[in-house]
C-alpha atoms as a PDB file:
ATOM      1  CA  MET A   1       0.000   0.000   0.000  1.00  0.00           C
ATOM      2  CA  ILE A   2       0.945   3.600  -0.531  1.00  0.00           C
ATOM      3  CA  ALA A   3       0.671   6.109   2.306  1.00  0.00           C
ATOM      4  CA  ILE A   4      -0.192   9.746   1.598  1.00  0.00           C
ATOM      5  CA  ARG A   5      -0.937  12.957   3.461  1.00  0.00           C
ATOM      6  CA  ILE A   6      -3.594  15.303   2.047  1.00  0.00           C
ATOM      7  CA  PRO A   7      -3.620  19.028   2.890  1.00  0.00           C
ATOM      8  CA  LYS A   8      -6.435  19.905   5.301  1.00  0.00           C
ATOM      9  CA  ALA A   9      -7.842  22.511   2.908  1.00  0.00           C
ATOM     10  CA  GLN A  10      -8.472  19.797   0.285  1.00  0.00           C
ATOM     11  CA  TRP A  11      -9.252  16.887   2.566  1.00  0.00           C
ATOM     12  CA  GLY A  12     -13.064  16.817   2.299  1.00  0.00           C
ATOM     13  CA  LYS A  13     -13.306  16.877  -1.481  1.00  0.00           C
ATOM     14  CA  ALA A  14     -10.323  14.557  -1.923  1.00  0.00           C
ATOM     15  CA  TRP A  15     -11.739  12.062   0.587  1.00  0.00           C
ATOM     16  CA  ARG A  16     -15.124  11.940  -1.145  1.00  0.00           C
ATOM     17  CA  ALA A  17     -13.478  11.400  -4.526  1.00  0.00           C
ATOM     18  CA  MET A  18     -11.258   8.601  -3.200  1.00  0.00           C
ATOM     19  CA  VAL A  19     -13.985   6.636  -1.386  1.00  0.00           C
ATOM     20  CA  GLU A  20     -16.120   6.654  -4.537  1.00  0.00           C
ATOM     21  CA  LEU A  21     -13.309   4.727  -6.222  1.00  0.00           C
ATOM     22  CA  ALA A  22     -12.315   2.262  -3.477  1.00  0.00           C
ATOM     23  CA  PRO A  23     -11.918   2.065   0.320  1.00  0.00           C
ATOM     24  CA  VAL A  24      -9.306   4.304   1.956  1.00  0.00           C
ATOM     25  CA  ARG A  25      -7.827   3.632   5.392  1.00  0.00           C
ATOM     26  CA  LEU A  26      -6.736   6.233   7.944  1.00  0.00           C
ATOM     27  CA  VAL A  27      -3.489   4.940   9.474  1.00  0.00           C
ATOM     28  CA  ALA A  28      -2.313   7.927  11.543  1.00  0.00           C
ATOM     29  CA  ASN A  29      -3.817  11.001  13.160  1.00  0.00           C
ATOM     30  CA  ASP A  30      -1.583  13.232  11.044  1.00  0.00           C
ATOM     31  CA  PRO A  31      -3.840  12.407   8.879  1.00  0.00           C
ATOM     32  CA  ILE A  32      -2.137   9.754   6.783  1.00  0.00           C
ATOM     33  CA  TYR A  33      -4.090   7.380   4.566  1.00  0.00           C
ATOM     34  CA  GLU A  34      -3.291   4.092   2.860  1.00  0.00           C
ATOM     35  CA  VAL A  35      -4.423   4.271  -0.743  1.00  0.00           C
ATOM     36  CA  LEU A  36      -4.178   2.382  -4.014  1.00  0.00           C
ATOM     37  CA  PRO A  37      -2.289   3.567  -7.108  1.00  0.00           C
ATOM     38  CA  ALA A  38      -5.678   4.285  -8.690  1.00  0.00           C
ATOM     39  CA  HIS A  39      -6.357   6.817  -5.916  1.00  0.00           C
ATOM     40  CA  LEU A  40      -3.163   8.688  -6.825  1.00  0.00           C
ATOM     41  CA  GLU A  41      -4.215   8.808 -10.477  1.00  0.00           C
ATOM     42  CA  LEU A  42      -7.628  10.111  -9.449  1.00  0.00           C
ATOM     43  CA  LEU A  43      -6.188  12.809  -7.157  1.00  0.00           C
ATOM     44  CA  SER A  44      -3.662  13.951  -9.755  1.00  0.00           C
ATOM     45  CA  GLY A  45      -6.281  13.954 -12.509  1.00  0.00           C
ATOM     46  CA  ARG A  46      -8.620  16.141 -10.449  1.00  0.00           C
ATOM     47  CA  GLY A  47      -5.861  18.560  -9.416  1.00  0.00           C
ATOM     48  CA  PHE A  48      -5.543  17.585  -5.735  1.00  0.00           C
ATOM     49  CA  THR A  49      -2.172  17.794  -4.043  1.00  0.00           C
ATOM     50  CA  TYR A  50      -0.806  15.115  -1.739  1.00  0.00           C
ATOM     51  CA  GLU A  51       2.466  14.030  -0.188  1.00  0.00           C
ATOM     52  CA  ILE A  52       3.661  10.443  -0.328  1.00  0.00           C
ATOM     53  CA  VAL A  53       5.010   9.424   3.072  1.00  0.00           C
ATOM     54  CA  ARG A  54       7.092   6.466   4.173  1.00  0.00           C
ATOM     55  CA  PRO A  55       4.752   3.526   4.656  1.00  0.00           C
ATOM     56  CA  ALA A  56       7.278   1.681   6.847  1.00  0.00           C
ATOM     57  CA  ALA A  57       7.028   4.395   9.504  1.00  0.00           C
ATOM     58  CA  VAL A  58       3.251   4.339   9.264  1.00  0.00           C
ATOM     59  CA  ALA A  59       2.976   0.557   9.438  1.00  0.00           C
ATOM     60  CA  THR A  60       4.908   0.348  12.707  1.00  0.00           C
ATOM     61  CA  GLN A  61       2.546   2.688  14.542  1.00  0.00           C
ATOM     62  CA  GLY A  62       0.153   0.802  16.749  1.00  0.00           C
ATOM     63  CA  LYS A  63       1.746  -2.607  16.289  1.00  0.00           C
ATOM     64  CA  ARG A  64       2.140  -4.718  19.377  1.00  0.00           C
ATOM     65  CA  ARG A  65       4.728  -7.394  19.964  1.00  0.00           C
ATOM     66  CA  ALA A  66       3.783 -10.635  21.587  1.00  0.00           C
ATOM     67  CA  ALA A  67       5.538 -11.384  24.857  1.00  0.00           C
ATOM     68  CA  ALA A  68       7.828 -14.369  24.636  1.00  0.00           C
ATOM     69  CA  GLY A  69       7.148 -17.020  26.960  1.00  0.00           C
END
């Protein structure tokens, strides 16, 4: 998955456009979303701006490790 950050000024319209295409998942309070490549094409085609962020940093948030033993 690809992780992106959308500017707050564009968030509402961008969110509605993306969820019409396919599900989008909020993965951080920043807000950072996991999206599909098709979402990026949609956002670019409609003139929305976004920032691609490191998914590895996002994926580690909230993970728990099992205790050995």
